[in-house]
Amino acid sequence: MNYEHFGAFLQDLRIRHNLSREKLADNICTSKQIYRIEKGLSEPSLYLITQLSIKFNMDLHEYYTIYFRRDTITGIEGIKSINAVLEKGDIPLLKTLIEELEILDEFKNGDNLQHIYYSKALCYALLDKNYSTSLEYCMKGIRIENPDFNLNHIAKTMYSNVGLTFLNCISQNYFALKQYSNGMKVLTELHAVLEFYFINSPYPFIHASQFSKNIYQVVLNNLGGHLLEHGDWNEALYYVEKGIEFSLKEHHLKFLTNLIFMKLRILYYGKNFVDAKEYYNRTIYLYKITNADDKIAELEESVRTEYPELLNY
């Protein structure tokens, strides 16, 4: 069937499942919101699309994106440009790009606006060291898809890819602001979200994407690092070893190198110098096979200054 808008499709789907608007909205939103979407009076957020997908046990994201989302060439190319700059890690260029994009109508709402907010959060954190403002933009961005977001209910919700990056950014801002408990709360709940909804999803229509696998490894590495800095070596080792096992399973050398190096650090500060030297050798090997010669030089210098005991083994 051809539908005028996503709401018409949703209404047909709801009726075929013998659900009232009140029953469909239960624990997701209000029946009034469902009514407005079905009549084409409002667009669903990514958060709501996710919750509806879970309720119907079918992936509505792709259907919504392909048939009902009104993307423009300007919006699509703008997101591609943002992602390309993020891949390069050129934050000054990102700031310039965002200043050009945020004045366009295509970037005034939805996940396009989320990309603007995420980019601004990075710029404030990495260029200005203004972690409070960065945190504000993270909160604005994640509430576009989950208006009721708060720190007490993080793990009860599934998030879009952008939402997952916001959660990681929120945790790092809390750490930078010396709010360790909040940082760990967000990071451990993000870990729980990734494991439940993506890595070991109970929903047949969800398959872990390369993005969710990547951020899962990043989160495990970050958990290890922050726990190590806090003196919780055993717990740090638990998360890092989990990350190493997952990286080997997924054949992901980039994040494997980071995790192997993190295990080196944990072993060193636990005064297990013999095993730490073994993981130093493994890190060097991984840098060599990935042609990261600059990283080898950095590692060798750090051994002399930060891990001198390794020179004795």
C-alpha atoms as a PDB file:
ATOM      1  CA  MET A   1       0.000   0.000   0.000  1.00  0.00           C
ATOM      2  CA  ASN A   2       0.996   3.615  -0.544  1.00  0.00           C
ATOM      3  CA  TYR A   3       0.720   5.891   2.471  1.00  0.00           C
ATOM      4  CA  GLU A   4       0.523   9.648   2.557  1.00  0.00           C
ATOM      5  CA  HIS A   5       2.770   9.860   5.605  1.00  0.00           C
ATOM      6  CA  PHE A   6       4.288   7.681   8.312  1.00  0.00           C
ATOM      7  CA  GLY A   7       1.291   8.199  10.593  1.00  0.00           C
ATOM      8  CA  ALA A   8      -1.069   6.595   8.078  1.00  0.00           C
ATOM      9  CA  PHE A   9       1.215   3.569   7.950  1.00  0.00           C
ATOM     10  CA  LEU A  10       1.383   3.459  11.743  1.00  0.00           C
ATOM     11  CA  GLN A  11      -2.400   3.591  12.028  1.00  0.00           C
ATOM     12  CA  ASP A  12      -2.776   0.712   9.582  1.00  0.00           C
ATOM     13  CA  LEU A  13      -0.152  -1.299  11.479  1.00  0.00           C
ATOM     14  CA  ARG A  14      -1.859  -0.605  14.821  1.00  0.00           C
ATOM     15  CA  ILE A  15      -5.270  -1.684  13.533  1.00  0.00           C
ATOM     16  CA  ARG A  16      -3.853  -4.871  11.992  1.00  0.00           C
ATOM     17  CA  HIS A  17      -2.416  -5.721  15.422  1.00  0.00           C
ATOM     18  CA  ASN A  18      -5.789  -5.031  17.084  1.00  0.00           C
ATOM     19  CA  LEU A  19      -4.324  -2.299  19.297  1.00  0.00           C
ATOM     20  CA  SER A  20      -6.094   0.806  20.509  1.00  0.00           C
ATOM     21  CA  ARG A  21      -4.137   4.052  20.589  1.00  0.00           C
ATOM     22  CA  GLU A  22      -4.110   3.828  24.369  1.00  0.00           C
ATOM     23  CA  LYS A  23      -2.666   0.301  24.289  1.00  0.00           C
ATOM     24  CA  LEU A  24      -0.008   1.223  21.721  1.00  0.00           C
ATOM     25  CA  ALA A  25       0.990   4.282  23.757  1.00  0.00           C
ATOM     26  CA  ASP A  26       1.237   2.346  27.028  1.00  0.00           C
ATOM     27  CA  ASN A  27       4.677   2.899  28.635  1.00  0.00           C
ATOM     28  CA  ILE A  28       5.857   4.756  25.504  1.00  0.00           C
ATOM     29  CA  CYS A  29       4.043   8.084  25.172  1.00  0.00           C
ATOM     30  CA  THR A  30       0.509   9.463  25.360  1.00  0.00           C
ATOM     31  CA  SER A  31      -2.385   8.345  23.191  1.00  0.00           C
ATOM     32  CA  LYS A  32      -2.651  11.975  22.066  1.00  0.00           C
ATOM     33  CA  GLN A  33       0.869  11.754  20.617  1.00  0.00           C
ATOM     34  CA  ILE A  34      -0.114   8.611  18.711  1.00  0.00           C
ATOM     35  CA  TYR A  35      -3.221  10.392  17.421  1.00  0.00           C
ATOM     36  CA  ARG A  36      -1.186  13.394  16.197  1.00  0.00           C
ATOM     37  CA  ILE A  37       1.335  11.139  14.421  1.00  0.00           C
ATOM     38  CA  GLU A  38      -1.395   9.078  12.783  1.00  0.00           C
ATOM     39  CA  LYS A  39      -3.101  12.226  11.492  1.00  0.00           C
ATOM     40  CA  GLY A  40       0.166  13.574  10.120  1.00  0.00           C
ATOM     41  CA  LEU A  41       0.150  16.485  12.561  1.00  0.00           C
ATOM     42  CA  SER A  42       3.576  15.634  14.030  1.00  0.00           C
ATOM     43  CA  GLU A  43       6.613  13.477  13.257  1.00  0.00           C
ATOM     44  CA  PRO A  44       7.791  10.767  15.662  1.00  0.00           C
ATOM     45  CA  SER A  45      11.169  11.157  17.338  1.00  0.00           C
ATOM     46  CA  LEU A  46      13.867   8.521  16.855  1.00  0.00           C
ATOM     47  CA  TYR A  47      13.254   7.500  20.457  1.00  0.00           C
ATOM     48  CA  LEU A  48       9.569   6.903  19.724  1.00  0.00           C
ATOM     49  CA  ILE A  49      10.357   5.016  16.505  1.00  0.00           C
ATOM     50  CA  THR A  50      12.586   2.713  18.555  1.00  0.00           C
ATOM     51  CA  GLN A  51       9.947   2.102  21.204  1.00  0.00           C
ATOM     52  CA  LEU A  52       7.302   1.392  18.563  1.00  0.00           C
ATOM     53  CA  SER A  53       9.716  -1.025  16.839  1.00  0.00           C
ATOM     54  CA  ILE A  54      10.091  -2.948  20.086  1.00  0.00           C
ATOM     55  CA  LYS A  55       6.340  -3.055  20.642  1.00  0.00           C
ATOM     56  CA  PHE A  56       5.643  -4.367  17.123  1.00  0.00           C
ATOM     57  CA  ASN A  57       8.839  -6.486  17.084  1.00  0.00           C
ATOM     58  CA  MET A  58       9.777  -5.102  13.667  1.00  0.00           C
ATOM     59  CA  ASP A  59      12.288  -2.492  12.587  1.00  0.00           C
ATOM     60  CA  LEU A  60      10.418   0.707  11.777  1.00  0.00           C
ATOM     61  CA  HIS A  61      13.592   2.809  11.487  1.00  0.00           C
ATOM     62  CA  GLU A  62      14.482   1.725   7.974  1.00  0.00           C
ATOM     63  CA  TYR A  63      10.868   1.938   6.810  1.00  0.00           C
ATOM     64  CA  TYR A  64      10.532   5.437   8.226  1.00  0.00           C
ATOM     65  CA  THR A  65      13.860   6.569   6.766  1.00  0.00           C
ATOM     66  CA  ILE A  66      13.307   5.212   3.269  1.00  0.00           C
ATOM     67  CA  TYR A  67       9.670   6.103   2.744  1.00  0.00           C
ATOM     68  CA  PHE A  68       8.623   8.842   5.093  1.00  0.00           C
ATOM     69  CA  ARG A  69      11.555  10.995   6.112  1.00  0.00           C
ATOM     70  CA  ARG A  70      11.888  14.224   4.186  1.00  0.00           C
ATOM     71  CA  ASP A  71      15.649  14.420   3.760  1.00  0.00           C
ATOM     72  CA  THR A  72      17.098  16.868   1.266  1.00  0.00           C
ATOM     73  CA  ILE A  73      20.327  16.724  -0.680  1.00  0.00           C
ATOM     74  CA  THR A  74      21.614  19.596   1.465  1.00  0.00           C
ATOM     75  CA  GLY A  75      20.852  17.695   4.665  1.00  0.00           C
ATOM     76  CA  ILE A  76      22.355  14.435   3.430  1.00  0.00           C
ATOM     77  CA  GLU A  77      25.521  16.100   2.150  1.00  0.00           C
ATOM     78  CA  GLY A  78      25.795  18.128   5.355  1.00  0.00           C
ATOM     79  CA  ILE A  79      25.752  14.998   7.524  1.00  0.00           C
ATOM     80  CA  LYS A  80      28.316  13.363   5.243  1.00  0.00           C
ATOM     81  CA  SER A  81      30.563  16.399   5.666  1.00  0.00           C
ATOM     82  CA  ILE A  82      30.218  16.319   9.457  1.00  0.00           C
ATOM     83  CA  ASN A  83      31.076  12.617   9.560  1.00  0.00           C
ATOM     84  CA  ALA A  84      34.080  13.099   7.281  1.00  0.00           C
ATOM     85  CA  VAL A  85      35.486  15.862   9.487  1.00  0.00           C
ATOM     86  CA  LEU A  86      34.859  13.799  12.627  1.00  0.00           C
ATOM     87  CA  GLU A  87      36.727  10.900  11.045  1.00  0.00           C
ATOM     88  CA  LYS A  88      39.716  13.194  10.464  1.00  0.00           C
ATOM     89  CA  GLY A  89      39.486  14.552  14.005  1.00  0.00           C
ATOM     90  CA  ASP A  90      39.804  18.126  12.708  1.00  0.00           C
ATOM     91  CA  ILE A  91      37.838  19.983  15.396  1.00  0.00           C
ATOM     92  CA  PRO A  92      38.637  23.554  14.201  1.00  0.00           C
ATOM     93  CA  LEU A  93      37.289  22.600  10.756  1.00  0.00           C
ATOM     94  CA  LEU A  94      34.260  21.031  12.438  1.00  0.00           C
ATOM     95  CA  LYS A  95      33.516  24.324  14.181  1.00  0.00           C
ATOM     96  CA  THR A  96      33.648  26.202  10.867  1.00  0.00           C
ATOM     97  CA  LEU A  97      31.421  23.623   9.169  1.00  0.00           C
ATOM     98  CA  ILE A  98      28.805  23.729  11.922  1.00  0.00           C
ATOM     99  CA  GLU A  99      28.605  27.519  11.716  1.00  0.00           C
ATOM    100  CA  GLU A 100      27.707  27.112   8.046  1.00  0.00           C
ATOM    101  CA  LEU A 101      25.173  24.321   8.538  1.00  0.00           C
ATOM    102  CA  GLU A 102      23.271  25.433  11.638  1.00  0.00           C
ATOM    103  CA  ILE A 103      21.665  28.391   9.843  1.00  0.00           C
ATOM    104  CA  LEU A 104      20.055  26.084   7.245  1.00  0.00           C
ATOM    105  CA  ASP A 105      16.429  24.967   7.631  1.00  0.00           C
ATOM    106  CA  GLU A 106      17.461  21.330   7.171  1.00  0.00           C
ATOM    107  CA  PHE A 107      19.396  21.482  10.442  1.00  0.00           C
ATOM    108  CA  LYS A 108      16.745  23.057  12.647  1.00  0.00           C
ATOM    109  CA  ASN A 109      15.243  19.825  14.003  1.00  0.00           C
ATOM    110  CA  GLY A 110      15.443  16.050  14.219  1.00  0.00           C
ATOM    111  CA  ASP A 111      18.633  14.044  13.992  1.00  0.00           C
ATOM    112  CA  ASN A 112      20.213  16.707  11.765  1.00  0.00           C
ATOM    113  CA  LEU A 113      19.948  19.094  14.721  1.00  0.00           C
ATOM    114  CA  GLN A 114      21.368  16.325  16.917  1.00  0.00           C
ATOM    115  CA  HIS A 115      24.479  16.291  14.713  1.00  0.00           C
ATOM    116  CA  ILE A 116      24.792  20.052  15.200  1.00  0.00           C
ATOM    117  CA  TYR A 117      24.511  19.724  18.978  1.00  0.00           C
ATOM    118  CA  TYR A 118      26.980  16.838  19.114  1.00  0.00           C
ATOM    119  CA  SER A 119      29.489  18.756  17.029  1.00  0.00           C
ATOM    120  CA  LYS A 120      29.096  21.812  19.246  1.00  0.00           C
ATOM    121  CA  ALA A 121      29.566  19.649  22.323  1.00  0.00           C
ATOM    122  CA  LEU A 122      32.857  18.371  20.909  1.00  0.00           C
ATOM    123  CA  CYS A 123      34.030  21.863  19.972  1.00  0.00           C
ATOM    124  CA  TYR A 124      33.328  23.271  23.426  1.00  0.00           C
ATOM    125  CA  ALA A 125      35.017  20.304  25.128  1.00  0.00           C
ATOM    126  CA  LEU A 126      38.068  19.917  22.898  1.00  0.00           C
ATOM    127  CA  LEU A 127      38.737  23.493  21.780  1.00  0.00           C
ATOM    128  CA  ASP A 128      37.574  25.580  24.732  1.00  0.00           C
ATOM    129  CA  LYS A 129      37.780  23.040  27.576  1.00  0.00           C
ATOM    130  CA  ASN A 130      34.309  24.301  28.472  1.00  0.00           C
ATOM    131  CA  TYR A 131      32.871  21.020  29.703  1.00  0.00           C
ATOM    132  CA  SER A 132      29.759  22.524  31.283  1.00  0.00           C
ATOM    133  CA  THR A 133      28.566  24.011  27.985  1.00  0.00           C
ATOM    134  CA  SER A 134      29.531  20.811  26.183  1.00  0.00           C
ATOM    135  CA  LEU A 135      27.384  18.880  28.657  1.00  0.00           C
ATOM    136  CA  GLU A 136      24.457  21.250  28.034  1.00  0.00           C
ATOM    137  CA  TYR A 137      24.597  20.579  24.296  1.00  0.00           C
ATOM    138  CA  CYS A 138      24.783  16.830  24.932  1.00  0.00           C
ATOM    139  CA  MET A 139      21.640  17.025  27.066  1.00  0.00           C
ATOM    140  CA  LYS A 140      19.828  19.090  24.428  1.00  0.00           C
ATOM    141  CA  GLY A 141      20.819  16.602  21.753  1.00  0.00           C
ATOM    142  CA  ILE A 142      19.792  13.431  23.533  1.00  0.00           C
ATOM    143  CA  ARG A 143      16.446  14.951  24.548  1.00  0.00           C
ATOM    144  CA  ILE A 144      15.562  15.434  20.887  1.00  0.00           C
ATOM    145  CA  GLU A 145      15.042  11.668  20.653  1.00  0.00           C
ATOM    146  CA  ASN A 146      14.143  11.076  24.308  1.00  0.00           C
ATOM    147  CA  PRO A 147      12.423  14.152  25.782  1.00  0.00           C
ATOM    148  CA  ASP A 148      12.219  12.539  29.230  1.00  0.00           C
ATOM    149  CA  PHE A 149      15.917  11.640  29.447  1.00  0.00           C
ATOM    150  CA  ASN A 150      17.457  11.767  32.909  1.00  0.00           C
ATOM    151  CA  LEU A 151      20.337  10.015  34.653  1.00  0.00           C
ATOM    152  CA  ASN A 152      18.072   7.722  36.657  1.00  0.00           C
ATOM    153  CA  HIS A 153      16.541   5.858  33.697  1.00  0.00           C
ATOM    154  CA  ILE A 154      19.339   5.569  31.115  1.00  0.00           C
ATOM    155  CA  ALA A 155      19.463   1.773  30.822  1.00  0.00           C
ATOM    156  CA  LYS A 156      15.711   1.438  30.342  1.00  0.00           C
ATOM    157  CA  THR A 157      15.812   2.980  26.877  1.00  0.00           C
ATOM    158  CA  MET A 158      17.202   2.114  23.465  1.00  0.00           C
ATOM    159  CA  TYR A 159      19.034   4.901  21.620  1.00  0.00           C
ATOM    160  CA  SER A 160      19.944   5.854  18.080  1.00  0.00           C
ATOM    161  CA  ASN A 161      23.596   5.909  17.005  1.00  0.00           C
ATOM    162  CA  VAL A 162      23.743   9.630  17.722  1.00  0.00           C
ATOM    163  CA  GLY A 163      22.112   9.036  21.086  1.00  0.00           C
ATOM    164  CA  LEU A 164      24.799   6.497  21.988  1.00  0.00           C
ATOM    165  CA  THR A 165      27.536   8.995  21.133  1.00  0.00           C
ATOM    166  CA  PHE A 166      25.800  11.614  23.271  1.00  0.00           C
ATOM    167  CA  LEU A 167      25.825   9.230  26.236  1.00  0.00           C
ATOM    168  CA  ASN A 168      29.542   8.598  25.835  1.00  0.00           C
ATOM    169  CA  CYS A 169      30.168  12.348  25.519  1.00  0.00           C
ATOM    170  CA  ILE A 170      28.031  13.056  28.602  1.00  0.00           C
ATOM    171  CA  SER A 171      30.090  10.609  30.652  1.00  0.00           C
ATOM    172  CA  GLN A 172      33.395  12.131  29.524  1.00  0.00           C
ATOM    173  CA  ASN A 173      32.170  15.632  30.372  1.00  0.00           C
ATOM    174  CA  TYR A 174      31.250  14.503  33.866  1.00  0.00           C
ATOM    175  CA  PHE A 175      34.713  13.017  34.304  1.00  0.00           C
ATOM    176  CA  ALA A 176      36.304  16.246  33.061  1.00  0.00           C
ATOM    177  CA  LEU A 177      34.172  18.179  35.566  1.00  0.00           C
ATOM    178  CA  LYS A 178      35.492  15.901  38.361  1.00  0.00           C
ATOM    179  CA  GLN A 179      32.046  14.355  38.853  1.00  0.00           C
ATOM    180  CA  TYR A 180      33.297  10.775  38.946  1.00  0.00           C
ATOM    181  CA  SER A 181      30.106   9.153  40.243  1.00  0.00           C
ATOM    182  CA  ASN A 182      27.963  10.719  37.502  1.00  0.00           C
ATOM    183  CA  GLY A 183      30.548   9.827  34.861  1.00  0.00           C
ATOM    184  CA  MET A 184      30.663   6.197  35.966  1.00  0.00           C
ATOM    185  CA  LYS A 185      26.871   6.009  36.249  1.00  0.00           C
ATOM    186  CA  VAL A 186      26.391   7.140  32.648  1.00  0.00           C
ATOM    187  CA  LEU A 187      29.236   4.996  31.309  1.00  0.00           C
ATOM    188  CA  THR A 188      28.167   1.785  33.091  1.00  0.00           C
ATOM    189  CA  GLU A 189      24.549   2.275  32.026  1.00  0.00           C
ATOM    190  CA  LEU A 190      25.660   2.939  28.453  1.00  0.00           C
ATOM    191  CA  HIS A 191      27.539  -0.360  28.673  1.00  0.00           C
ATOM    192  CA  ALA A 192      24.315  -2.026  29.859  1.00  0.00           C
ATOM    193  CA  VAL A 193      22.300  -0.441  27.025  1.00  0.00           C
ATOM    194  CA  LEU A 194      24.784  -1.668  24.426  1.00  0.00           C
ATOM    195  CA  GLU A 195      24.885  -5.204  25.786  1.00  0.00           C
ATOM    196  CA  PHE A 196      21.129  -5.583  26.199  1.00  0.00           C
ATOM    197  CA  TYR A 197      19.767  -3.785  23.133  1.00  0.00           C
ATOM    198  CA  PHE A 198      22.566  -4.308  20.598  1.00  0.00           C
ATOM    199  CA  ILE A 199      25.264  -6.877  21.410  1.00  0.00           C
ATOM    200  CA  ASN A 200      22.902  -9.464  22.944  1.00  0.00           C
ATOM    201  CA  SER A 201      19.595  -8.057  21.728  1.00  0.00           C
ATOM    202  CA  PRO A 202      16.445 -10.009  22.662  1.00  0.00           C
ATOM    203  CA  TYR A 203      14.690  -8.475  19.650  1.00  0.00           C
ATOM    204  CA  PRO A 204      15.059 -10.547  16.453  1.00  0.00           C
ATOM    205  CA  PHE A 205      14.862  -7.485  14.181  1.00  0.00           C
ATOM    206  CA  ILE A 206      17.925  -5.881  15.787  1.00  0.00           C
ATOM    207  CA  HIS A 207      21.400  -6.870  14.667  1.00  0.00           C
ATOM    208  CA  ALA A 208      24.449  -5.205  16.156  1.00  0.00           C
ATOM    209  CA  SER A 209      25.792  -2.737  13.582  1.00  0.00           C
ATOM    210  CA  GLN A 210      29.467  -1.990  13.074  1.00  0.00           C
ATOM    211  CA  PHE A 211      28.826   1.328  14.820  1.00  0.00           C
ATOM    212  CA  SER A 212      27.378  -0.278  17.955  1.00  0.00           C
ATOM    213  CA  LYS A 213      30.265  -2.773  18.021  1.00  0.00           C
ATOM    214  CA  ASN A 214      32.766   0.066  17.743  1.00  0.00           C
ATOM    215  CA  ILE A 215      31.261   2.171  20.493  1.00  0.00           C
ATOM    216  CA  TYR A 216      30.936  -0.933  22.689  1.00  0.00           C
ATOM    217  CA  GLN A 217      34.704  -1.383  22.510  1.00  0.00           C
ATOM    218  CA  VAL A 218      35.281   2.322  23.150  1.00  0.00           C
ATOM    219  CA  VAL A 219      33.057   2.185  26.228  1.00  0.00           C
ATOM    220  CA  LEU A 220      34.884  -0.871  27.603  1.00  0.00           C
ATOM    221  CA  ASN A 221      38.203   0.894  27.063  1.00  0.00           C
ATOM    222  CA  ASN A 222      36.913   4.069  28.748  1.00  0.00           C
ATOM    223  CA  LEU A 223      35.576   2.098  31.704  1.00  0.00           C
ATOM    224  CA  GLY A 224      38.964   0.465  32.128  1.00  0.00           C
ATOM    225  CA  GLY A 225      40.772   3.791  31.962  1.00  0.00           C
ATOM    226  CA  HIS A 226      38.587   5.629  34.464  1.00  0.00           C
ATOM    227  CA  LEU A 227      38.521   2.720  36.905  1.00  0.00           C
ATOM    228  CA  LEU A 228      42.317   2.498  36.685  1.00  0.00           C
ATOM    229  CA  GLU A 229      42.660   6.210  37.446  1.00  0.00           C
ATOM    230  CA  HIS A 230      40.345   5.701  40.412  1.00  0.00           C
ATOM    231  CA  GLY A 231      42.486   2.819  41.707  1.00  0.00           C
ATOM    232  CA  ASP A 232      39.986   0.042  40.932  1.00  0.00           C
ATOM    233  CA  TRP A 233      42.496  -2.169  39.101  1.00  0.00           C
ATOM    234  CA  ASN A 234      40.614  -5.467  39.305  1.00  0.00           C
ATOM    235  CA  GLU A 235      37.377  -4.007  37.949  1.00  0.00           C
ATOM    236  CA  ALA A 236      39.317  -2.116  35.290  1.00  0.00           C
ATOM    237  CA  LEU A 237      40.917  -5.377  34.211  1.00  0.00           C
ATOM    238  CA  TYR A 238      37.512  -7.059  34.002  1.00  0.00           C
ATOM    239  CA  TYR A 239      36.168  -4.553  31.462  1.00  0.00           C
ATOM    240  CA  VAL A 240      39.375  -4.381  29.436  1.00  0.00           C
ATOM    241  CA  GLU A 241      39.653  -8.159  29.150  1.00  0.00           C
ATOM    242  CA  LYS A 242      36.018  -8.270  28.053  1.00  0.00           C
ATOM    243  CA  GLY A 243      36.878  -5.683  25.389  1.00  0.00           C
ATOM    244  CA  ILE A 244      39.932  -7.653  24.216  1.00  0.00           C
ATOM    245  CA  GLU A 245      37.876 -10.835  23.911  1.00  0.00           C
ATOM    246  CA  PHE A 246      35.200  -8.999  21.926  1.00  0.00           C
ATOM    247  CA  SER A 247      37.767  -7.291  19.663  1.00  0.00           C
ATOM    248  CA  LEU A 248      39.387 -10.620  18.826  1.00  0.00           C
ATOM    249  CA  LYS A 249      36.000 -12.122  18.088  1.00  0.00           C
ATOM    250  CA  GLU A 250      35.131  -9.207  15.786  1.00  0.00           C
ATOM    251  CA  HIS A 251      38.655  -9.032  14.255  1.00  0.00           C
ATOM    252  CA  HIS A 252      38.868  -5.321  15.027  1.00  0.00           C
ATOM    253  CA  LEU A 253      42.559  -4.398  15.290  1.00  0.00           C
ATOM    254  CA  LYS A 254      42.104  -0.658  15.815  1.00  0.00           C
ATOM    255  CA  PHE A 255      40.292  -0.960  19.129  1.00  0.00           C
ATOM    256  CA  LEU A 256      42.179  -4.102  20.054  1.00  0.00           C
ATOM    257  CA  THR A 257      45.402  -2.082  20.139  1.00  0.00           C
ATOM    258  CA  ASN A 258      43.864   0.469  22.509  1.00  0.00           C
ATOM    259  CA  LEU A 259      42.593  -2.263  24.791  1.00  0.00           C
ATOM    260  CA  ILE A 260      45.893  -4.172  24.785  1.00  0.00           C
ATOM    261  CA  PHE A 261      47.686  -0.960  25.744  1.00  0.00           C
ATOM    262  CA  MET A 262      45.130  -0.320  28.503  1.00  0.00           C
ATOM    263  CA  LYS A 263      45.805  -3.801  29.885  1.00  0.00           C
ATOM    264  CA  LEU A 264      49.516  -2.967  29.845  1.00  0.00           C
ATOM    265  CA  ARG A 265      48.791   0.098  31.992  1.00  0.00           C
ATOM    266  CA  ILE A 266      46.610  -1.848  34.430  1.00  0.00           C
ATOM    267  CA  LEU A 267      49.209  -4.598  34.843  1.00  0.00           C
ATOM    268  CA  TYR A 268      51.976  -2.040  35.306  1.00  0.00           C
ATOM    269  CA  TYR A 269      50.188  -0.129  38.052  1.00  0.00           C
ATOM    270  CA  GLY A 270      49.411  -3.459  39.671  1.00  0.00           C
ATOM    271  CA  LYS A 271      53.190  -4.052  39.655  1.00  0.00           C
ATOM    272  CA  ASN A 272      52.877  -7.112  37.438  1.00  0.00           C
ATOM    273  CA  PHE A 273      55.833  -5.985  35.334  1.00  0.00           C
ATOM    274  CA  VAL A 274      56.493  -9.313  33.605  1.00  0.00           C
ATOM    275  CA  ASP A 275      53.006  -9.531  32.095  1.00  0.00           C
ATOM    276  CA  ALA A 276      52.994  -5.773  31.457  1.00  0.00           C
ATOM    277  CA  LYS A 277      56.117  -6.187  29.308  1.00  0.00           C
ATOM    278  CA  GLU A 278      54.367  -8.960  27.364  1.00  0.00           C
ATOM    279  CA  TYR A 279      51.461  -6.611  26.608  1.00  0.00           C
ATOM    280  CA  TYR A 280      53.932  -3.884  25.665  1.00  0.00           C
ATOM    281  CA  ASN A 281      55.351  -6.274  23.051  1.00  0.00           C
ATOM    282  CA  ARG A 282      51.849  -7.091  21.814  1.00  0.00           C
ATOM    283  CA  THR A 283      51.046  -3.388  21.484  1.00  0.00           C
ATOM    284  CA  ILE A 284      54.204  -2.813  19.442  1.00  0.00           C
ATOM    285  CA  TYR A 285      53.304  -5.772  17.214  1.00  0.00           C
ATOM    286  CA  LEU A 286      49.784  -4.440  16.579  1.00  0.00           C
ATOM    287  CA  TYR A 287      51.125  -0.985  15.751  1.00  0.00           C
ATOM    288  CA  LYS A 288      53.532  -2.564  13.267  1.00  0.00           C
ATOM    289  CA  ILE A 289      50.933  -4.605  11.418  1.00  0.00           C
ATOM    290  CA  THR A 290      48.617  -1.593  11.228  1.00  0.00           C
ATOM    291  CA  ASN A 291      51.456   0.659   9.958  1.00  0.00           C
ATOM    292  CA  ALA A 292      51.162   3.012  12.933  1.00  0.00           C
ATOM    293  CA  ASP A 293      54.878   3.854  13.164  1.00  0.00           C
ATOM    294  CA  ASP A 294      54.179   7.205  14.826  1.00  0.00           C
ATOM    295  CA  LYS A 295      52.385   5.364  17.631  1.00  0.00           C
ATOM    296  CA  ILE A 296      55.412   3.117  18.171  1.00  0.00           C
ATOM    297  CA  ALA A 297      57.619   6.159  18.747  1.00  0.00           C
ATOM    298  CA  GLU A 298      55.062   7.600  21.209  1.00  0.00           C
ATOM    299  CA  LEU A 299      54.854   4.298  23.079  1.00  0.00           C
ATOM    300  CA  GLU A 300      58.620   3.942  23.344  1.00  0.00           C
ATOM    301  CA  GLU A 301      58.860   7.460  24.758  1.00  0.00           C
ATOM    302  CA  SER A 302      56.064   6.804  27.272  1.00  0.00           C
ATOM    303  CA  VAL A 303      57.876   3.686  28.501  1.00  0.00           C
ATOM    304  CA  ARG A 304      60.912   5.787  29.332  1.00  0.00           C
ATOM    305  CA  THR A 305      58.896   8.445  31.152  1.00  0.00           C
ATOM    306  CA  GLU A 306      55.796   6.681  32.544  1.00  0.00           C
ATOM    307  CA  TYR A 307      56.595   2.963  32.639  1.00  0.00           C
ATOM    308  CA  PRO A 308      60.373   2.823  33.286  1.00  0.00           C
ATOM    309  CA  GLU A 309      60.230  -0.530  35.104  1.00  0.00           C
ATOM    310  CA  LEU A 310      59.524  -2.214  31.759  1.00  0.00           C
ATOM    311  CA  LEU A 311      63.077  -1.410  30.689  1.00  0.00           C
ATOM    312  CA  ASN A 312      64.316  -3.943  33.257  1.00  0.00           C
ATOM    313  CA  TYR A 313      62.474  -6.853  31.628  1.00  0.00           C
END
